[in-house]
Amino acid sequence: MTGAFDVAEALDGGISDRERAWTFIRGFAAAWGERLTEGDGTPAAELARAEATLGCSLPAALREVYMLLGARRCPRFPQRESGLRLLGRAPARP
């Protein structure tokens, strides 16, 4: 582990809301891998296009996680192996 991130301390009291969850994720990523940057998130305009393609709004928590790290690439989990589909490339609904 790098840095001074203490998982037990970070989780003390639980994860009571989404903001605390995102704070935990940022700290964990910075300590165990690479710090999250603004460029790691999917731009709001791209999410809006994906929602239009899907014909519905994303749940708030899903939208927030895409805005936090949706554009991040992880060499350990190549997209083609992750089973995840980019929202912006989802097939249009008939």
PDB file of N, CA and C in Angstrom:
ATOM      1  N   MET A   1       0.839  -1.183   0.000  1.00  0.00           N
ATOM      2  CA  MET A   1       0.000   0.000   0.000  1.00  0.00           C
ATOM      3  C   MET A   1       0.874   1.232   0.000  1.00  0.00           C
ATOM      4  N   THR A   2       0.471   2.217  -0.770  1.00  0.00           N
ATOM      5  CA  THR A   2       1.193   3.476  -0.778  1.00  0.00           C
ATOM      6  C   THR A   2       0.350   4.514  -0.062  1.00  0.00           C
ATOM      7  N   GLY A   3       0.967   5.592   0.374  1.00  0.00           N
ATOM      8  CA  GLY A   3       0.215   6.636   1.045  1.00  0.00           C
ATOM      9  C   GLY A   3      -0.178   6.211   2.446  1.00  0.00           C
ATOM     10  N   ALA A   4      -1.021   7.018   3.061  1.00  0.00           N
ATOM     11  CA  ALA A   4      -1.423   6.762   4.438  1.00  0.00           C
ATOM     12  C   ALA A   4      -2.904   6.445   4.535  1.00  0.00           C
ATOM     13  N   PHE A   5      -3.473   5.866   3.520  1.00  0.00           N
ATOM     14  CA  PHE A   5      -4.906   5.551   3.522  1.00  0.00           C
ATOM     15  C   PHE A   5      -5.160   4.360   4.436  1.00  0.00           C
ATOM     16  N   ASP A   6      -6.033   4.542   5.400  1.00  0.00           N
ATOM     17  CA  ASP A   6      -6.374   3.491   6.355  1.00  0.00           C
ATOM     18  C   ASP A   6      -7.817   3.067   6.084  1.00  0.00           C
ATOM     19  N   VAL A   7      -7.995   1.880   5.520  1.00  0.00           N
ATOM     20  CA  VAL A   7      -9.325   1.401   5.147  1.00  0.00           C
ATOM     21  C   VAL A   7     -10.245   1.346   6.357  1.00  0.00           C
ATOM     22  N   ALA A   8      -9.752   0.818   7.472  1.00  0.00           N
ATOM     23  CA  ALA A   8     -10.592   0.717   8.672  1.00  0.00           C
ATOM     24  C   ALA A   8     -11.051   2.093   9.134  1.00  0.00           C
ATOM     25  N   GLU A   9     -10.152   3.042   9.114  1.00  0.00           N
ATOM     26  CA  GLU A   9     -10.515   4.400   9.525  1.00  0.00           C
ATOM     27  C   GLU A   9     -11.507   5.015   8.538  1.00  0.00           C
ATOM     28  N   ALA A  10     -11.256   4.809   7.258  1.00  0.00           N
ATOM     29  CA  ALA A  10     -12.136   5.374   6.232  1.00  0.00           C
ATOM     30  C   ALA A  10     -13.543   4.796   6.299  1.00  0.00           C
ATOM     31  N   LEU A  11     -13.642   3.542   6.752  1.00  0.00           N
ATOM     32  CA  LEU A  11     -14.949   2.891   6.836  1.00  0.00           C
ATOM     33  C   LEU A  11     -15.579   2.995   8.220  1.00  0.00           C
ATOM     34  N   ASP A  12     -14.866   3.621   9.167  1.00  0.00           N
ATOM     35  CA  ASP A  12     -15.399   3.768  10.516  1.00  0.00           C
ATOM     36  C   ASP A  12     -16.728   4.528  10.473  1.00  0.00           C
ATOM     37  N   GLY A  13     -17.738   3.943  11.026  1.00  0.00           N
ATOM     38  CA  GLY A  13     -19.058   4.563  10.998  1.00  0.00           C
ATOM     39  C   GLY A  13     -19.870   4.195   9.772  1.00  0.00           C
ATOM     40  N   GLY A  14     -19.267   3.426   8.884  1.00  0.00           N
ATOM     41  CA  GLY A  14     -19.992   2.971   7.698  1.00  0.00           C
ATOM     42  C   GLY A  14     -19.996   4.004   6.586  1.00  0.00           C
ATOM     43  N   ILE A  15     -20.616   3.613   5.519  1.00  0.00           N
ATOM     44  CA  ILE A  15     -20.793   4.492   4.362  1.00  0.00           C
ATOM     45  C   ILE A  15     -22.248   4.939   4.392  1.00  0.00           C
ATOM     46  N   SER A  16     -22.473   6.101   4.945  1.00  0.00           N
ATOM     47  CA  SER A  16     -23.834   6.560   5.218  1.00  0.00           C
ATOM     48  C   SER A  16     -24.528   7.221   4.033  1.00  0.00           C
ATOM     49  N   ASP A  17     -23.767   7.657   3.043  1.00  0.00           N
ATOM     50  CA  ASP A  17     -24.384   8.291   1.881  1.00  0.00           C
ATOM     51  C   ASP A  17     -23.445   8.165   0.682  1.00  0.00           C
ATOM     52  N   ARG A  18     -23.942   8.545  -0.474  1.00  0.00           N
ATOM     53  CA  ARG A  18     -23.145   8.398  -1.694  1.00  0.00           C
ATOM     54  C   ARG A  18     -21.897   9.261  -1.667  1.00  0.00           C
ATOM     55  N   GLU A  19     -21.982  10.476  -1.134  1.00  0.00           N
ATOM     56  CA  GLU A  19     -20.810  11.343  -1.100  1.00  0.00           C
ATOM     57  C   GLU A  19     -19.692  10.694  -0.294  1.00  0.00           C
ATOM     58  N   ARG A  20     -20.031  10.058   0.817  1.00  0.00           N
ATOM     59  CA  ARG A  20     -19.004   9.369   1.612  1.00  0.00           C
ATOM     60  C   ARG A  20     -18.442   8.175   0.821  1.00  0.00           C
ATOM     61  N   ALA A  21     -19.292   7.512   0.054  1.00  0.00           N
ATOM     62  CA  ALA A  21     -18.819   6.396  -0.778  1.00  0.00           C
ATOM     63  C   ALA A  21     -17.825   6.897  -1.818  1.00  0.00           C
ATOM     64  N   TRP A  22     -18.136   8.006  -2.485  1.00  0.00           N
ATOM     65  CA  TRP A  22     -17.232   8.528  -3.520  1.00  0.00           C
ATOM     66  C   TRP A  22     -15.928   9.010  -2.883  1.00  0.00           C
ATOM     67  N   THR A  23     -15.998   9.586  -1.682  1.00  0.00           N
ATOM     68  CA  THR A  23     -14.790  10.008  -0.971  1.00  0.00           C
ATOM     69  C   THR A  23     -13.921   8.797  -0.661  1.00  0.00           C
ATOM     70  N   PHE A  24     -14.553   7.717  -0.214  1.00  0.00           N
ATOM     71  CA  PHE A  24     -13.814   6.487   0.055  1.00  0.00           C
ATOM     72  C   PHE A  24     -13.142   5.967  -1.219  1.00  0.00           C
ATOM     73  N   ILE A  25     -13.878   5.943  -2.312  1.00  0.00           N
ATOM     74  CA  ILE A  25     -13.340   5.428  -3.580  1.00  0.00           C
ATOM     75  C   ILE A  25     -12.152   6.271  -4.029  1.00  0.00           C
ATOM     76  N   ARG A  26     -12.271   7.603  -3.917  1.00  0.00           N
ATOM     77  CA  ARG A  26     -11.151   8.479  -4.301  1.00  0.00           C
ATOM     78  C   ARG A  26      -9.909   8.172  -3.455  1.00  0.00           C
ATOM     79  N   GLY A  27     -10.096   8.065  -2.145  1.00  0.00           N
ATOM     80  CA  GLY A  27      -8.975   7.784  -1.258  1.00  0.00           C
ATOM     81  C   GLY A  27      -8.362   6.425  -1.513  1.00  0.00           C
ATOM     82  N   PHE A  28      -9.198   5.429  -1.701  1.00  0.00           N
ATOM     83  CA  PHE A  28      -8.728   4.071  -1.969  1.00  0.00           C
ATOM     84  C   PHE A  28      -7.930   4.025  -3.265  1.00  0.00           C
ATOM     85  N   ALA A  29      -8.465   4.647  -4.316  1.00  0.00           N
ATOM     86  CA  ALA A  29      -7.777   4.656  -5.611  1.00  0.00           C
ATOM     87  C   ALA A  29      -6.426   5.351  -5.507  1.00  0.00           C
ATOM     88  N   ALA A  30      -6.376   6.459  -4.786  1.00  0.00           N
ATOM     89  CA  ALA A  30      -5.123   7.206  -4.652  1.00  0.00           C
ATOM     90  C   ALA A  30      -4.073   6.393  -3.908  1.00  0.00           C
ATOM     91  N   ALA A  31      -4.506   5.636  -2.902  1.00  0.00           N
ATOM     92  CA  ALA A  31      -3.561   4.874  -2.092  1.00  0.00           C
ATOM     93  C   ALA A  31      -3.139   3.563  -2.741  1.00  0.00           C
ATOM     94  N   TRP A  32      -4.046   2.915  -3.432  1.00  0.00           N
ATOM     95  CA  TRP A  32      -3.776   1.575  -3.952  1.00  0.00           C
ATOM     96  C   TRP A  32      -3.490   1.544  -5.442  1.00  0.00           C
ATOM     97  N   GLY A  33      -3.665   2.623  -6.111  1.00  0.00           N
ATOM     98  CA  GLY A  33      -3.446   2.634  -7.561  1.00  0.00           C
ATOM     99  C   GLY A  33      -3.047   4.020  -8.000  1.00  0.00           C
ATOM    100  N   GLU A  34      -3.892   4.626  -8.803  1.00  0.00           N
ATOM    101  CA  GLU A  34      -3.651   5.974  -9.287  1.00  0.00           C
ATOM    102  C   GLU A  34      -4.783   6.875  -8.832  1.00  0.00           C
ATOM    103  N   ARG A  35      -4.413   8.053  -8.381  1.00  0.00           N
ATOM    104  CA  ARG A  35      -5.400   9.044  -7.932  1.00  0.00           C
ATOM    105  C   ARG A  35      -6.395   9.321  -9.069  1.00  0.00           C
ATOM    106  N   LEU A  36      -7.665   9.438  -8.727  1.00  0.00           N
ATOM    107  CA  LEU A  36      -8.668   9.806  -9.721  1.00  0.00           C
ATOM    108  C   LEU A  36      -8.485  11.265 -10.102  1.00  0.00           C
ATOM    109  N   THR A  37      -8.634  11.553 -11.373  1.00  0.00           N
ATOM    110  CA  THR A  37      -8.521  12.931 -11.851  1.00  0.00           C
ATOM    111  C   THR A  37      -9.827  13.326 -12.523  1.00  0.00           C
ATOM    112  N   GLU A  38      -9.958  14.604 -12.781  1.00  0.00           N
ATOM    113  CA  GLU A  38     -11.168  15.098 -13.439  1.00  0.00           C
ATOM    114  C   GLU A  38     -11.370  14.433 -14.800  1.00  0.00           C
ATOM    115  N   GLY A  39     -10.276  14.099 -15.477  1.00  0.00           N
ATOM    116  CA  GLY A  39     -10.353  13.461 -16.788  1.00  0.00           C
ATOM    117  C   GLY A  39     -10.819  12.016 -16.757  1.00  0.00           C
ATOM    118  N   ASP A  40     -10.915  11.424 -15.567  1.00  0.00           N
ATOM    119  CA  ASP A  40     -11.369  10.039 -15.448  1.00  0.00           C
ATOM    120  C   ASP A  40     -12.882   9.903 -15.572  1.00  0.00           C
ATOM    121  N   GLY A  41     -13.580  11.009 -15.407  1.00  0.00           N
ATOM    122  CA  GLY A  41     -15.037  10.960 -15.459  1.00  0.00           C
ATOM    123  C   GLY A  41     -15.582  11.103 -16.868  1.00  0.00           C
ATOM    124  N   THR A  42     -16.759  10.550 -17.075  1.00  0.00           N
ATOM    125  CA  THR A  42     -17.463  10.722 -18.346  1.00  0.00           C
ATOM    126  C   THR A  42     -18.115  12.100 -18.324  1.00  0.00           C
ATOM    127  N   PRO A  43     -17.908  12.920 -19.356  1.00  0.00           N
ATOM    128  CA  PRO A  43     -18.514  14.255 -19.380  1.00  0.00           C
ATOM    129  C   PRO A  43     -20.042  14.188 -19.331  1.00  0.00           C
ATOM    130  N   ALA A  44     -20.640  15.168 -18.661  1.00  0.00           N
ATOM    131  CA  ALA A  44     -22.094  15.216 -18.512  1.00  0.00           C
ATOM    132  C   ALA A  44     -22.804  15.189 -19.861  1.00  0.00           C
ATOM    133  N   ALA A  45     -22.237  15.867 -20.863  1.00  0.00           N
ATOM    134  CA  ALA A  45     -22.865  15.889 -22.189  1.00  0.00           C
ATOM    135  C   ALA A  45     -22.904  14.494 -22.798  1.00  0.00           C
ATOM    136  N   GLU A  46     -21.849  13.712 -22.579  1.00  0.00           N
ATOM    137  CA  GLU A  46     -21.814  12.345 -23.101  1.00  0.00           C
ATOM    138  C   GLU A  46     -22.845  11.472 -22.384  1.00  0.00           C
ATOM    139  N   LEU A  47     -22.993  11.670 -21.089  1.00  0.00           N
ATOM    140  CA  LEU A  47     -24.019  10.921 -20.350  1.00  0.00           C
ATOM    141  C   LEU A  47     -25.415  11.305 -20.827  1.00  0.00           C
ATOM    142  N   ALA A  48     -25.629  12.586 -21.097  1.00  0.00           N
ATOM    143  CA  ALA A  48     -26.936  13.037 -21.594  1.00  0.00           C
ATOM    144  C   ALA A  48     -27.253  12.384 -22.940  1.00  0.00           C
ATOM    145  N   ARG A  49     -26.250  12.279 -23.814  1.00  0.00           N
ATOM    146  CA  ARG A  49     -26.469  11.605 -25.111  1.00  0.00           C
ATOM    147  C   ARG A  49     -26.799  10.127 -24.897  1.00  0.00           C
ATOM    148  N   ALA A  50     -26.101   9.489 -23.964  1.00  0.00           N
ATOM    149  CA  ALA A  50     -26.376   8.074 -23.685  1.00  0.00           C
ATOM    150  C   ALA A  50     -27.784   7.904 -23.141  1.00  0.00           C
ATOM    151  N   GLU A  51     -28.199   8.801 -22.249  1.00  0.00           N
ATOM    152  CA  GLU A  51     -29.561   8.726 -21.704  1.00  0.00           C
ATOM    153  C   GLU A  51     -30.596   8.912 -22.804  1.00  0.00           C
ATOM    154  N   ALA A  52     -30.309   9.825 -23.729  1.00  0.00           N
ATOM    155  CA  ALA A  52     -31.234  10.031 -24.853  1.00  0.00           C
ATOM    156  C   ALA A  52     -31.306   8.775 -25.707  1.00  0.00           C
ATOM    157  N   THR A  53     -30.167   8.136 -25.935  1.00  0.00           N
ATOM    158  CA  THR A  53     -30.135   6.898 -26.706  1.00  0.00           C
ATOM    159  C   THR A  53     -30.917   5.802 -26.006  1.00  0.00           C
ATOM    160  N   LEU A  54     -30.718   5.722 -24.685  1.00  0.00           N
ATOM    161  CA  LEU A  54     -31.418   4.696 -23.899  1.00  0.00           C
ATOM    162  C   LEU A  54     -32.901   4.998 -23.727  1.00  0.00           C
ATOM    163  N   GLY A  55     -33.266   6.270 -23.841  1.00  0.00           N
ATOM    164  CA  GLY A  55     -34.658   6.652 -23.665  1.00  0.00           C
ATOM    165  C   GLY A  55     -35.070   6.768 -22.209  1.00  0.00           C
ATOM    166  N   CYS A  56     -34.096   6.914 -21.309  1.00  0.00           N
ATOM    167  CA  CYS A  56     -34.410   7.075 -19.886  1.00  0.00           C
ATOM    168  C   CYS A  56     -33.218   7.709 -19.184  1.00  0.00           C
ATOM    169  N   SER A  57     -33.480   8.230 -17.998  1.00  0.00           N
ATOM    170  CA  SER A  57     -32.413   8.797 -17.174  1.00  0.00           C
ATOM    171  C   SER A  57     -31.734   7.690 -16.389  1.00  0.00           C
ATOM    172  N   LEU A  58     -30.454   7.855 -16.163  1.00  0.00           N
ATOM    173  CA  LEU A  58     -29.721   6.914 -15.322  1.00  0.00           C
ATOM    174  C   LEU A  58     -30.065   7.175 -13.855  1.00  0.00           C
ATOM    175  N   PRO A  59     -30.046   6.144 -13.043  1.00  0.00           N
ATOM    176  CA  PRO A  59     -30.196   6.371 -11.603  1.00  0.00           C
ATOM    177  C   PRO A  59     -29.066   7.290 -11.120  1.00  0.00           C
ATOM    178  N   ALA A  60     -29.353   8.121 -10.130  1.00  0.00           N
ATOM    179  CA  ALA A  60     -28.392   9.127  -9.662  1.00  0.00           C
ATOM    180  C   ALA A  60     -27.033   8.520  -9.312  1.00  0.00           C
ATOM    181  N   ALA A  61     -27.016   7.420  -8.581  1.00  0.00           N
ATOM    182  CA  ALA A  61     -25.738   6.821  -8.165  1.00  0.00           C
ATOM    183  C   ALA A  61     -24.943   6.328  -9.366  1.00  0.00           C
ATOM    184  N   LEU A  62     -25.599   5.763 -10.354  1.00  0.00           N
ATOM    185  CA  LEU A  62     -24.899   5.277 -11.546  1.00  0.00           C
ATOM    186  C   LEU A  62     -24.329   6.452 -12.339  1.00  0.00           C
ATOM    187  N   ARG A  63     -25.113   7.519 -12.460  1.00  0.00           N
ATOM    188  CA  ARG A  63     -24.650   8.723 -13.152  1.00  0.00           C
ATOM    189  C   ARG A  63     -23.423   9.293 -12.436  1.00  0.00           C
ATOM    190  N   GLU A  64     -23.472   9.325 -11.100  1.00  0.00           N
ATOM    191  CA  GLU A  64     -22.357   9.866 -10.327  1.00  0.00           C
ATOM    192  C   GLU A  64     -21.091   9.034 -10.492  1.00  0.00           C
ATOM    193  N   VAL A  65     -21.219   7.719 -10.511  1.00  0.00           N
ATOM    194  CA  VAL A  65     -20.018   6.897 -10.666  1.00  0.00           C
ATOM    195  C   VAL A  65     -19.437   7.049 -12.073  1.00  0.00           C
ATOM    196  N   TYR A  66     -20.269   7.186 -13.087  1.00  0.00           N
ATOM    197  CA  TYR A  66     -19.757   7.440 -14.435  1.00  0.00           C
ATOM    198  C   TYR A  66     -19.050   8.794 -14.483  1.00  0.00           C
ATOM    199  N   MET A  67     -19.605   9.804 -13.776  1.00  0.00           N
ATOM    200  CA  MET A  67     -18.977  11.124 -13.769  1.00  0.00           C
ATOM    201  C   MET A  67     -17.668  11.108 -12.980  1.00  0.00           C
ATOM    202  N   LEU A  68     -17.529  10.182 -12.046  1.00  0.00           N
ATOM    203  CA  LEU A  68     -16.312  10.069 -11.245  1.00  0.00           C
ATOM    204  C   LEU A  68     -15.216   9.297 -11.964  1.00  0.00           C
ATOM    205  N   LEU A  69     -15.574   8.168 -12.592  1.00  0.00           N
ATOM    206  CA  LEU A  69     -14.528   7.320 -13.165  1.00  0.00           C
ATOM    207  C   LEU A  69     -14.946   6.572 -14.425  1.00  0.00           C
ATOM    208  N   GLY A  70     -15.994   7.016 -15.083  1.00  0.00           N
ATOM    209  CA  GLY A  70     -16.511   6.310 -16.253  1.00  0.00           C
ATOM    210  C   GLY A  70     -15.612   6.281 -17.468  1.00  0.00           C
ATOM    211  N   ALA A  71     -14.688   7.221 -17.579  1.00  0.00           N
ATOM    212  CA  ALA A  71     -13.789   7.243 -18.737  1.00  0.00           C
ATOM    213  C   ALA A  71     -12.420   6.668 -18.403  1.00  0.00           C
ATOM    214  N   ARG A  72     -12.251   6.247 -17.176  1.00  0.00           N
ATOM    215  CA  ARG A  72     -10.951   5.724 -16.729  1.00  0.00           C
ATOM    216  C   ARG A  72     -10.678   4.374 -17.381  1.00  0.00           C
ATOM    217  N   ARG A  73      -9.460   4.173 -17.800  1.00  0.00           N
ATOM    218  CA  ARG A  73      -9.050   2.902 -18.376  1.00  0.00           C
ATOM    219  C   ARG A  73      -8.202   2.160 -17.349  1.00  0.00           C
ATOM    220  N   CYS A  74      -8.481   0.912 -17.179  1.00  0.00           N
ATOM    221  CA  CYS A  74      -7.743   0.090 -16.229  1.00  0.00           C
ATOM    222  C   CYS A  74      -7.061  -1.021 -17.009  1.00  0.00           C
ATOM    223  N   PRO A  75      -5.722  -1.031 -17.044  1.00  0.00           N
ATOM    224  CA  PRO A  75      -5.029  -2.048 -17.830  1.00  0.00           C
ATOM    225  C   PRO A  75      -5.286  -3.469 -17.347  1.00  0.00           C
ATOM    226  N   ARG A  76      -5.645  -3.640 -16.068  1.00  0.00           N
ATOM    227  CA  ARG A  76      -5.912  -4.991 -15.562  1.00  0.00           C
ATOM    228  C   ARG A  76      -7.255  -5.531 -16.043  1.00  0.00           C
ATOM    229  N   PHE A  77      -8.159  -4.635 -16.415  1.00  0.00           N
ATOM    230  CA  PHE A  77      -9.488  -5.049 -16.847  1.00  0.00           C
ATOM    231  C   PHE A  77      -9.824  -4.388 -18.173  1.00  0.00           C
ATOM    232  N   PRO A  78      -9.224  -4.878 -19.257  1.00  0.00           N
ATOM    233  CA  PRO A  78      -9.532  -4.285 -20.560  1.00  0.00           C
ATOM    234  C   PRO A  78     -11.035  -4.318 -20.825  1.00  0.00           C
ATOM    235  N   GLN A  79     -11.519  -3.290 -21.471  1.00  0.00           N
ATOM    236  CA  GLN A  79     -12.959  -3.167 -21.704  1.00  0.00           C
ATOM    237  C   GLN A  79     -13.535  -4.398 -22.396  1.00  0.00           C
ATOM    238  N   ARG A  80     -12.817  -4.947 -23.342  1.00  0.00           N
ATOM    239  CA  ARG A  80     -13.366  -6.087 -24.074  1.00  0.00           C
ATOM    240  C   ARG A  80     -13.530  -7.314 -23.175  1.00  0.00           C
ATOM    241  N   GLU A  81     -12.809  -7.348 -22.040  1.00  0.00           N
ATOM    242  CA  GLU A  81     -12.913  -8.478 -21.125  1.00  0.00           C
ATOM    243  C   GLU A  81     -13.826  -8.197 -19.944  1.00  0.00           C
ATOM    244  N   SER A  82     -14.176  -6.941 -19.710  1.00  0.00           N
ATOM    245  CA  SER A  82     -14.922  -6.586 -18.517  1.00  0.00           C
ATOM    246  C   SER A  82     -16.402  -6.916 -18.627  1.00  0.00           C
ATOM    247  N   GLY A  83     -16.903  -7.045 -19.840  1.00  0.00           N
ATOM    248  CA  GLY A  83     -18.327  -7.292 -20.014  1.00  0.00           C
ATOM    249  C   GLY A  83     -19.149  -6.020 -19.912  1.00  0.00           C
ATOM    250  N   LEU A  84     -18.498  -4.899 -19.670  1.00  0.00           N
ATOM    251  CA  LEU A  84     -19.211  -3.631 -19.577  1.00  0.00           C
ATOM    252  C   LEU A  84     -19.289  -2.987 -20.954  1.00  0.00           C
ATOM    253  N   ARG A  85     -20.374  -2.351 -21.208  1.00  0.00           N
ATOM    254  CA  ARG A  85     -20.567  -1.653 -22.483  1.00  0.00           C
ATOM    255  C   ARG A  85     -20.580  -0.156 -22.194  1.00  0.00           C
ATOM    256  N   LEU A  86     -19.864   0.589 -22.992  1.00  0.00           N
ATOM    257  CA  LEU A  86     -19.892   2.032 -22.821  1.00  0.00           C
ATOM    258  C   LEU A  86     -21.295   2.545 -23.080  1.00  0.00           C
ATOM    259  N   LEU A  87     -21.790   3.388 -22.201  1.00  0.00           N
ATOM    260  CA  LEU A  87     -23.136   3.914 -22.364  1.00  0.00           C
ATOM    261  C   LEU A  87     -23.302   4.667 -23.670  1.00  0.00           C
ATOM    262  N   GLY A  88     -22.300   5.426 -24.055  1.00  0.00           N
ATOM    263  CA  GLY A  88     -22.390   6.227 -25.280  1.00  0.00           C
ATOM    264  C   GLY A  88     -22.447   5.370 -26.530  1.00  0.00           C
ATOM    265  N   ARG A  89     -22.140   4.103 -26.401  1.00  0.00           N
ATOM    266  CA  ARG A  89     -22.157   3.215 -27.566  1.00  0.00           C
ATOM    267  C   ARG A  89     -23.259   2.175 -27.459  1.00  0.00           C
ATOM    268  N   ALA A  90     -24.183   2.395 -26.540  1.00  0.00           N
ATOM    269  CA  ALA A  90     -25.302   1.474 -26.389  1.00  0.00           C
ATOM    270  C   ALA A  90     -26.151   1.524 -27.657  1.00  0.00           C
ATOM    271  N   PRO A  91     -26.700   0.392 -28.083  1.00  0.00           N
ATOM    272  CA  PRO A  91     -27.531   0.414 -29.290  1.00  0.00           C
ATOM    273  C   PRO A  91     -28.791   1.232 -29.064  1.00  0.00           C
ATOM    274  N   ALA A  92     -29.226   1.904 -30.098  1.00  0.00           N
ATOM    275  CA  ALA A  92     -30.433   2.718 -30.013  1.00  0.00           C
ATOM    276  C   ALA A  92     -31.646   1.802 -29.835  1.00  0.00           C
ATOM    277  N   ARG A  93     -32.615   2.301 -29.074  1.00  0.00           N
ATOM    278  CA  ARG A  93     -33.857   1.544 -28.903  1.00  0.00           C
ATOM    279  C   ARG A  93     -34.740   1.769 -30.117  1.00  0.00           C
ATOM    280  N   PRO A  94     -35.455   0.734 -30.542  1.00  0.00           N
ATOM    281  CA  PRO A  94     -36.339   0.906 -31.721  1.00  0.00           C
ATOM    282  C   PRO A  94     -37.517   1.805 -31.397  1.00  0.00           C
TER     283      PRO A  94
END
